[in-house]
Amino acid sequence: HSSRGANVGSDNPPDMGEDFDFDDNDEMRRR
């Protein structure tokens, strides 16, 4: 936590990638 001090509460959230439905079997077959 001490080493991360400057990064905590950043206004730039990390890019979590494209959002899609992991429970959609057809989508999983495509990806």
PDB file of all heavy atoms in Angstrom:
ATOM      1  N   HIS A   1       0.829  -1.207   0.000  1.00  0.00           N
ATOM      2  CA  HIS A   1       0.000   0.000   0.000  1.00  0.00           C
ATOM      3  C   HIS A   1       0.862   1.255   0.000  1.00  0.00           C
ATOM      4  O   HIS A   1       0.530   2.250  -0.655  1.00  0.00           O
ATOM      5  CB  HIS A   1      -0.970   0.007   1.179  1.00  0.00           C
ATOM      6  CG  HIS A   1      -2.047  -1.028   1.037  1.00  0.00           C
ATOM      7  ND1 HIS A   1      -3.007  -0.983   0.058  1.00  0.00           N
ATOM      8  CD2 HIS A   1      -2.292  -2.154   1.741  1.00  0.00           C
ATOM      9  CE1 HIS A   1      -3.799  -2.027   0.152  1.00  0.00           C
ATOM     10  NE2 HIS A   1      -3.389  -2.767   1.171  1.00  0.00           N
ATOM     11  N   SER A   2       1.967   1.218   0.697  1.00  0.00           N
ATOM     12  CA  SER A   2       2.882   2.355   0.734  1.00  0.00           C
ATOM     13  C   SER A   2       3.473   2.617  -0.653  1.00  0.00           C
ATOM     14  O   SER A   2       3.563   3.766  -1.087  1.00  0.00           O
ATOM     15  CB  SER A   2       4.000   2.085   1.743  1.00  0.00           C
ATOM     16  OG  SER A   2       4.973   3.085   1.657  1.00  0.00           O
ATOM     17  N   SER A   3       3.858   1.573  -1.349  1.00  0.00           N
ATOM     18  CA  SER A   3       4.471   1.741  -2.671  1.00  0.00           C
ATOM     19  C   SER A   3       3.451   2.179  -3.713  1.00  0.00           C
ATOM     20  O   SER A   3       3.812   2.796  -4.706  1.00  0.00           O
ATOM     21  CB  SER A   3       5.154   0.460  -3.123  1.00  0.00           C
ATOM     22  OG  SER A   3       4.196  -0.510  -3.480  1.00  0.00           O
ATOM     23  N   ARG A   4       2.200   1.887  -3.492  1.00  0.00           N
ATOM     24  CA  ARG A   4       1.150   2.247  -4.441  1.00  0.00           C
ATOM     25  C   ARG A   4       0.551   3.612  -4.150  1.00  0.00           C
ATOM     26  O   ARG A   4      -0.275   4.089  -4.913  1.00  0.00           O
ATOM     27  CB  ARG A   4       0.024   1.212  -4.390  1.00  0.00           C
ATOM     28  CG  ARG A   4       0.466  -0.142  -4.902  1.00  0.00           C
ATOM     29  CD  ARG A   4      -0.706  -1.040  -5.084  1.00  0.00           C
ATOM     30  NE  ARG A   4      -1.570  -0.454  -6.105  1.00  0.00           N
ATOM     31  CZ  ARG A   4      -2.871  -0.668  -6.168  1.00  0.00           C
ATOM     32  NH1 ARG A   4      -3.467  -1.414  -5.289  1.00  0.00           N
ATOM     33  NH2 ARG A   4      -3.594  -0.118  -7.112  1.00  0.00           N
ATOM     34  N   GLY A   5       0.964   4.252  -3.086  1.00  0.00           N
ATOM     35  CA  GLY A   5       0.371   5.501  -2.625  1.00  0.00           C
ATOM     36  C   GLY A   5      -0.019   6.479  -3.703  1.00  0.00           C
ATOM     37  O   GLY A   5      -1.127   7.009  -3.706  1.00  0.00           O
ATOM     38  N   ALA A   6       0.864   6.749  -4.653  1.00  0.00           N
ATOM     39  CA  ALA A   6       0.584   7.744  -5.690  1.00  0.00           C
ATOM     40  C   ALA A   6      -0.487   7.263  -6.672  1.00  0.00           C
ATOM     41  O   ALA A   6      -1.152   8.070  -7.297  1.00  0.00           O
ATOM     42  CB  ALA A   6       1.863   8.078  -6.447  1.00  0.00           C
ATOM     43  N   ASN A   7      -0.664   5.968  -6.798  1.00  0.00           N
ATOM     44  CA  ASN A   7      -1.613   5.437  -7.775  1.00  0.00           C
ATOM     45  C   ASN A   7      -3.021   5.274  -7.229  1.00  0.00           C
ATOM     46  O   ASN A   7      -3.959   5.144  -7.986  1.00  0.00           O
ATOM     47  CB  ASN A   7      -1.130   4.072  -8.289  1.00  0.00           C
ATOM     48  CG  ASN A   7       0.167   4.194  -9.036  1.00  0.00           C
ATOM     49  OD1 ASN A   7       0.428   5.194  -9.679  1.00  0.00           O
ATOM     50  ND2 ASN A   7       0.999   3.169  -8.938  1.00  0.00           N
ATOM     51  N   VAL A   8      -3.155   5.249  -5.919  1.00  0.00           N
ATOM     52  CA  VAL A   8      -4.467   5.024  -5.312  1.00  0.00           C
ATOM     53  C   VAL A   8      -5.373   6.209  -5.610  1.00  0.00           C
ATOM     54  O   VAL A   8      -4.982   7.359  -5.491  1.00  0.00           O
ATOM     55  CB  VAL A   8      -4.330   4.800  -3.791  1.00  0.00           C
ATOM     56  CG1 VAL A   8      -5.700   4.693  -3.140  1.00  0.00           C
ATOM     57  CG2 VAL A   8      -3.510   3.554  -3.516  1.00  0.00           C
ATOM     58  N   GLY A   9      -6.599   5.902  -6.020  1.00  0.00           N
ATOM     59  CA  GLY A   9      -7.571   6.962  -6.287  1.00  0.00           C
ATOM     60  C   GLY A   9      -7.326   7.675  -7.600  1.00  0.00           C
ATOM     61  O   GLY A   9      -7.817   8.768  -7.803  1.00  0.00           O
ATOM     62  N   SER A  10      -6.601   7.074  -8.501  1.00  0.00           N
ATOM     63  CA  SER A  10      -6.311   7.694  -9.789  1.00  0.00           C
ATOM     64  C   SER A  10      -7.608   7.945 -10.552  1.00  0.00           C
ATOM     65  O   SER A  10      -8.553   7.173 -10.477  1.00  0.00           O
ATOM     66  CB  SER A  10      -5.397   6.777 -10.600  1.00  0.00           C
ATOM     67  OG  SER A  10      -5.279   7.264 -11.922  1.00  0.00           O
ATOM     68  N   ASP A  11      -7.634   9.041 -11.295  1.00  0.00           N
ATOM     69  CA  ASP A  11      -8.789   9.359 -12.120  1.00  0.00           C
ATOM     70  C   ASP A  11      -8.796   8.549 -13.417  1.00  0.00           C
ATOM     71  O   ASP A  11      -9.738   8.624 -14.183  1.00  0.00           O
ATOM     72  CB  ASP A  11      -8.805  10.849 -12.465  1.00  0.00           C
ATOM     73  CG  ASP A  11      -9.122  11.709 -11.254  1.00  0.00           C
ATOM     74  OD1 ASP A  11      -9.779  11.207 -10.322  1.00  0.00           O
ATOM     75  OD2 ASP A  11      -8.700  12.877 -11.235  1.00  0.00           O
ATOM     76  N   ASN A  12      -7.744   7.790 -13.663  1.00  0.00           N
ATOM     77  CA  ASN A  12      -7.632   6.982 -14.880  1.00  0.00           C
ATOM     78  C   ASN A  12      -7.747   5.504 -14.528  1.00  0.00           C
ATOM     79  O   ASN A  12      -6.743   4.845 -14.277  1.00  0.00           O
ATOM     80  CB  ASN A  12      -6.295   7.248 -15.577  1.00  0.00           C
ATOM     81  CG  ASN A  12      -6.144   8.695 -15.992  1.00  0.00           C
ATOM     82  OD1 ASN A  12      -7.097   9.290 -16.463  1.00  0.00           O
ATOM     83  ND2 ASN A  12      -4.960   9.245 -15.808  1.00  0.00           N
ATOM     84  N   PRO A  13      -8.967   4.958 -14.531  1.00  0.00           N
ATOM     85  CA  PRO A  13      -9.119   3.539 -14.209  1.00  0.00           C
ATOM     86  C   PRO A  13      -8.439   2.683 -15.277  1.00  0.00           C
ATOM     87  O   PRO A  13      -8.334   3.098 -16.437  1.00  0.00           O
ATOM     88  CB  PRO A  13     -10.629   3.320 -14.206  1.00  0.00           C
ATOM     89  CG  PRO A  13     -11.180   4.429 -15.026  1.00  0.00           C
ATOM     90  CD  PRO A  13     -10.224   5.586 -14.891  1.00  0.00           C
ATOM     91  N   PRO A  14      -7.981   1.501 -14.915  1.00  0.00           N
ATOM     92  CA  PRO A  14      -7.304   0.641 -15.895  1.00  0.00           C
ATOM     93  C   PRO A  14      -8.271   0.169 -16.974  1.00  0.00           C
ATOM     94  O   PRO A  14      -9.461   0.012 -16.737  1.00  0.00           O
ATOM     95  CB  PRO A  14      -6.816  -0.545 -15.050  1.00  0.00           C
ATOM     96  CG  PRO A  14      -7.708  -0.546 -13.854  1.00  0.00           C
ATOM     97  CD  PRO A  14      -8.089   0.883 -13.612  1.00  0.00           C
ATOM     98  N   ASP A  15      -7.730  -0.042 -18.157  1.00  0.00           N
ATOM     99  CA  ASP A  15      -8.523  -0.557 -19.265  1.00  0.00           C
ATOM    100  C   ASP A  15      -8.786  -2.035 -19.006  1.00  0.00           C
ATOM    101  O   ASP A  15      -7.861  -2.836 -18.935  1.00  0.00           O
ATOM    102  CB  ASP A  15      -7.771  -0.374 -20.572  1.00  0.00           C
ATOM    103  CG  ASP A  15      -8.537  -0.902 -21.770  1.00  0.00           C
ATOM    104  OD1 ASP A  15      -9.717  -1.296 -21.615  1.00  0.00           O
ATOM    105  OD2 ASP A  15      -7.953  -0.922 -22.867  1.00  0.00           O
ATOM    106  N   MET A  16     -10.036  -2.407 -18.850  1.00  0.00           N
ATOM    107  CA  MET A  16     -10.397  -3.787 -18.566  1.00  0.00           C
ATOM    108  C   MET A  16     -10.711  -4.568 -19.848  1.00  0.00           C
ATOM    109  O   MET A  16     -11.142  -5.709 -19.782  1.00  0.00           O
ATOM    110  CB  MET A  16     -11.609  -3.827 -17.622  1.00  0.00           C
ATOM    111  CG  MET A  16     -11.358  -3.155 -16.283  1.00  0.00           C
ATOM    112  SD  MET A  16     -10.016  -3.899 -15.362  1.00  0.00           S
ATOM    113  CE  MET A  16     -10.807  -5.375 -14.795  1.00  0.00           C
ATOM    114  N   GLY A  17     -10.489  -3.955 -20.981  1.00  0.00           N
ATOM    115  CA  GLY A  17     -10.750  -4.640 -22.240  1.00  0.00           C
ATOM    116  C   GLY A  17     -12.221  -4.594 -22.611  1.00  0.00           C
ATOM    117  O   GLY A  17     -13.046  -3.996 -21.923  1.00  0.00           O
ATOM    118  N   GLU A  18     -12.516  -5.224 -23.702  1.00  0.00           N
ATOM    119  CA  GLU A  18     -13.881  -5.250 -24.216  1.00  0.00           C
ATOM    120  C   GLU A  18     -14.793  -6.030 -23.273  1.00  0.00           C
ATOM    121  O   GLU A  18     -14.431  -7.089 -22.779  1.00  0.00           O
ATOM    122  CB  GLU A  18     -13.873  -5.914 -25.593  1.00  0.00           C
ATOM    123  CG  GLU A  18     -15.202  -5.944 -26.270  1.00  0.00           C
ATOM    124  CD  GLU A  18     -15.146  -6.666 -27.616  1.00  0.00           C
ATOM    125  OE1 GLU A  18     -14.060  -7.071 -28.037  1.00  0.00           O
ATOM    126  OE2 GLU A  18     -16.213  -6.817 -28.214  1.00  0.00           O
ATOM    127  N   ASP A  19     -15.974  -5.501 -23.049  1.00  0.00           N
ATOM    128  CA  ASP A  19     -16.960  -6.160 -22.195  1.00  0.00           C
ATOM    129  C   ASP A  19     -17.829  -7.068 -23.060  1.00  0.00           C
ATOM    130  O   ASP A  19     -18.308  -6.659 -24.123  1.00  0.00           O
ATOM    131  CB  ASP A  19     -17.827  -5.103 -21.506  1.00  0.00           C
ATOM    132  CG  ASP A  19     -18.757  -5.710 -20.470  1.00  0.00           C
ATOM    133  OD1 ASP A  19     -18.443  -6.788 -19.938  1.00  0.00           O
ATOM    134  OD2 ASP A  19     -19.808  -5.095 -20.197  1.00  0.00           O
ATOM    135  N   PHE A  20     -17.961  -8.311 -22.636  1.00  0.00           N
ATOM    136  CA  PHE A  20     -18.844  -9.246 -23.330  1.00  0.00           C
ATOM    137  C   PHE A  20     -19.345 -10.274 -22.330  1.00  0.00           C
ATOM    138  O   PHE A  20     -18.857 -10.370 -21.218  1.00  0.00           O
ATOM    139  CB  PHE A  20     -18.157  -9.907 -24.528  1.00  0.00           C
ATOM    140  CG  PHE A  20     -16.932 -10.695 -24.177  1.00  0.00           C
ATOM    141  CD1 PHE A  20     -17.012 -12.046 -23.888  1.00  0.00           C
ATOM    142  CD2 PHE A  20     -15.691 -10.084 -24.138  1.00  0.00           C
ATOM    143  CE1 PHE A  20     -15.876 -12.773 -23.559  1.00  0.00           C
ATOM    144  CE2 PHE A  20     -14.551 -10.801 -23.815  1.00  0.00           C
ATOM    145  CZ  PHE A  20     -14.645 -12.152 -23.528  1.00  0.00           C
ATOM    146  N   ASP A  21     -20.332 -11.041 -22.746  1.00  0.00           N
ATOM    147  CA  ASP A  21     -21.001 -11.986 -21.860  1.00  0.00           C
ATOM    148  C   ASP A  21     -20.277 -13.333 -21.852  1.00  0.00           C
ATOM    149  O   ASP A  21     -20.362 -14.105 -22.803  1.00  0.00           O
ATOM    150  CB  ASP A  21     -22.452 -12.164 -22.312  1.00  0.00           C
ATOM    151  CG  ASP A  21     -23.270 -13.031 -21.378  1.00  0.00           C
ATOM    152  OD1 ASP A  21     -22.710 -13.552 -20.387  1.00  0.00           O
ATOM    153  OD2 ASP A  21     -24.483 -13.176 -21.634  1.00  0.00           O
ATOM    154  N   PHE A  22     -19.569 -13.617 -20.769  1.00  0.00           N
ATOM    155  CA  PHE A  22     -18.835 -14.877 -20.631  1.00  0.00           C
ATOM    156  C   PHE A  22     -19.777 -16.073 -20.539  1.00  0.00           C
ATOM    157  O   PHE A  22     -19.356 -17.206 -20.721  1.00  0.00           O
ATOM    158  CB  PHE A  22     -17.952 -14.850 -19.373  1.00  0.00           C
ATOM    159  CG  PHE A  22     -16.734 -13.989 -19.516  1.00  0.00           C
ATOM    160  CD1 PHE A  22     -16.772 -12.652 -19.164  1.00  0.00           C
ATOM    161  CD2 PHE A  22     -15.555 -14.517 -19.991  1.00  0.00           C
ATOM    162  CE1 PHE A  22     -15.647 -11.851 -19.281  1.00  0.00           C
ATOM    163  CE2 PHE A  22     -14.420 -13.733 -20.119  1.00  0.00           C
ATOM    164  CZ  PHE A  22     -14.472 -12.395 -19.765  1.00  0.00           C
ATOM    165  N   ASP A  23     -21.024 -15.835 -20.231  1.00  0.00           N
ATOM    166  CA  ASP A  23     -22.002 -16.920 -20.098  1.00  0.00           C
ATOM    167  C   ASP A  23     -22.736 -17.225 -21.405  1.00  0.00           C
ATOM    168  O   ASP A  23     -23.572 -18.113 -21.448  1.00  0.00           O
ATOM    169  CB  ASP A  23     -23.021 -16.589 -19.002  1.00  0.00           C
ATOM    170  CG  ASP A  23     -22.366 -16.524 -17.632  1.00  0.00           C
ATOM    171  OD1 ASP A  23     -21.473 -17.353 -17.364  1.00  0.00           O
ATOM    172  OD2 ASP A  23     -22.738 -15.641 -16.840  1.00  0.00           O
ATOM    173  N   ASP A  24     -22.414 -16.493 -22.451  1.00  0.00           N
ATOM    174  CA  ASP A  24     -23.031 -16.701 -23.755  1.00  0.00           C
ATOM    175  C   ASP A  24     -22.178 -17.716 -24.528  1.00  0.00           C
ATOM    176  O   ASP A  24     -21.105 -17.397 -25.038  1.00  0.00           O
ATOM    177  CB  ASP A  24     -23.112 -15.372 -24.507  1.00  0.00           C
ATOM    178  CG  ASP A  24     -23.758 -15.487 -25.876  1.00  0.00           C
ATOM    179  OD1 ASP A  24     -23.779 -16.589 -26.461  1.00  0.00           O
ATOM    180  OD2 ASP A  24     -24.237 -14.454 -26.369  1.00  0.00           O
ATOM    181  N   ASN A  25     -22.664 -18.960 -24.605  1.00  0.00           N
ATOM    182  CA  ASN A  25     -21.893 -20.029 -25.250  1.00  0.00           C
ATOM    183  C   ASN A  25     -21.554 -19.723 -26.703  1.00  0.00           C
ATOM    184  O   ASN A  25     -20.464 -20.057 -27.171  1.00  0.00           O
ATOM    185  CB  ASN A  25     -22.628 -21.357 -25.137  1.00  0.00           C
ATOM    186  CG  ASN A  25     -22.625 -21.885 -23.716  1.00  0.00           C
ATOM    187  OD1 ASN A  25     -21.936 -21.372 -22.833  1.00  0.00           O
ATOM    188  ND2 ASN A  25     -23.403 -22.917 -23.480  1.00  0.00           N
ATOM    189  N   ASP A  26     -22.471 -19.109 -27.431  1.00  0.00           N
ATOM    190  CA  ASP A  26     -22.198 -18.768 -28.829  1.00  0.00           C
ATOM    191  C   ASP A  26     -21.057 -17.751 -28.915  1.00  0.00           C
ATOM    192  O   ASP A  26     -20.193 -17.850 -29.798  1.00  0.00           O
ATOM    193  CB  ASP A  26     -23.447 -18.226 -29.515  1.00  0.00           C
ATOM    194  CG  ASP A  26     -24.500 -19.307 -29.728  1.00  0.00           C
ATOM    195  OD1 ASP A  26     -24.120 -20.505 -29.797  1.00  0.00           O
ATOM    196  OD2 ASP A  26     -25.694 -18.957 -29.812  1.00  0.00           O
ATOM    197  N   GLU A  27     -21.065 -16.791 -28.006  1.00  0.00           N
ATOM    198  CA  GLU A  27     -19.995 -15.788 -27.974  1.00  0.00           C
ATOM    199  C   GLU A  27     -18.650 -16.450 -27.652  1.00  0.00           C
ATOM    200  O   GLU A  27     -17.622 -16.124 -28.247  1.00  0.00           O
ATOM    201  CB  GLU A  27     -20.321 -14.701 -26.943  1.00  0.00           C
ATOM    202  CG  GLU A  27     -19.312 -13.585 -26.873  1.00  0.00           C
ATOM    203  CD  GLU A  27     -19.344 -12.669 -28.082  1.00  0.00           C
ATOM    204  OE1 GLU A  27     -20.286 -12.744 -28.890  1.00  0.00           O
ATOM    205  OE2 GLU A  27     -18.412 -11.862 -28.221  1.00  0.00           O
ATOM    206  N   MET A  28     -18.664 -17.378 -26.731  1.00  0.00           N
ATOM    207  CA  MET A  28     -17.425 -18.083 -26.371  1.00  0.00           C
ATOM    208  C   MET A  28     -16.924 -18.930 -27.540  1.00  0.00           C
ATOM    209  O   MET A  28     -15.724 -18.979 -27.801  1.00  0.00           O
ATOM    210  CB  MET A  28     -17.638 -18.973 -25.148  1.00  0.00           C
ATOM    211  CG  MET A  28     -17.863 -18.205 -23.857  1.00  0.00           C
ATOM    212  SD  MET A  28     -16.434 -17.198 -23.376  1.00  0.00           S
ATOM    213  CE  MET A  28     -16.865 -15.610 -24.050  1.00  0.00           C
ATOM    214  N   ARG A  29     -17.826 -19.568 -28.255  1.00  0.00           N
ATOM    215  CA  ARG A  29     -17.425 -20.349 -29.431  1.00  0.00           C
ATOM    216  C   ARG A  29     -16.811 -19.455 -30.498  1.00  0.00           C
ATOM    217  O   ARG A  29     -15.866 -19.849 -31.184  1.00  0.00           O
ATOM    218  CB  ARG A  29     -18.615 -21.115 -30.001  1.00  0.00           C
ATOM    219  CG  ARG A  29     -19.006 -22.312 -29.162  1.00  0.00           C
ATOM    220  CD  ARG A  29     -20.155 -23.104 -29.806  1.00  0.00           C
ATOM    221  NE  ARG A  29     -20.525 -24.225 -28.972  1.00  0.00           N
ATOM    222  CZ  ARG A  29     -21.478 -24.190 -28.042  1.00  0.00           C
ATOM    223  NH1 ARG A  29     -22.186 -23.090 -27.856  1.00  0.00           N
ATOM    224  NH2 ARG A  29     -21.726 -25.259 -27.322  1.00  0.00           N
ATOM    225  N   ARG A  30     -17.354 -18.264 -30.652  1.00  0.00           N
ATOM    226  CA  ARG A  30     -16.820 -17.320 -31.642  1.00  0.00           C
ATOM    227  C   ARG A  30     -15.441 -16.813 -31.219  1.00  0.00           C
ATOM    228  O   ARG A  30     -14.523 -16.749 -32.023  1.00  0.00           O
ATOM    229  CB  ARG A  30     -17.788 -16.136 -31.814  1.00  0.00           C
ATOM    230  CG  ARG A  30     -17.379 -15.175 -32.931  1.00  0.00           C
ATOM    231  CD  ARG A  30     -18.361 -14.033 -33.077  1.00  0.00           C
ATOM    232  NE  ARG A  30     -18.346 -13.098 -31.970  1.00  0.00           N
ATOM    233  CZ  ARG A  30     -17.390 -12.195 -31.759  1.00  0.00           C
ATOM    234  NH1 ARG A  30     -16.346 -12.126 -32.550  1.00  0.00           N
ATOM    235  NH2 ARG A  30     -17.470 -11.359 -30.744  1.00  0.00           N
ATOM    236  N   ARG A  31     -15.286 -16.469 -29.949  1.00  0.00           N
ATOM    237  CA  ARG A  31     -14.032 -15.892 -29.467  1.00  0.00           C
ATOM    238  C   ARG A  31     -12.940 -16.932 -29.223  1.00  0.00           C
ATOM    239  O   ARG A  31     -11.762 -16.625 -29.331  1.00  0.00           O
ATOM    240  CB  ARG A  31     -14.279 -15.119 -28.175  1.00  0.00           C
ATOM    241  CG  ARG A  31     -15.060 -13.843 -28.382  1.00  0.00           C
ATOM    242  CD  ARG A  31     -15.322 -13.156 -27.051  1.00  0.00           C
ATOM    243  NE  ARG A  31     -16.024 -11.919 -27.244  1.00  0.00           N
ATOM    244  CZ  ARG A  31     -15.447 -10.745 -27.452  1.00  0.00           C
ATOM    245  NH1 ARG A  31     -14.136 -10.643 -27.470  1.00  0.00           N
ATOM    246  NH2 ARG A  31     -16.169  -9.661 -27.618  1.00  0.00           N
TER     247      ARG A  31
END
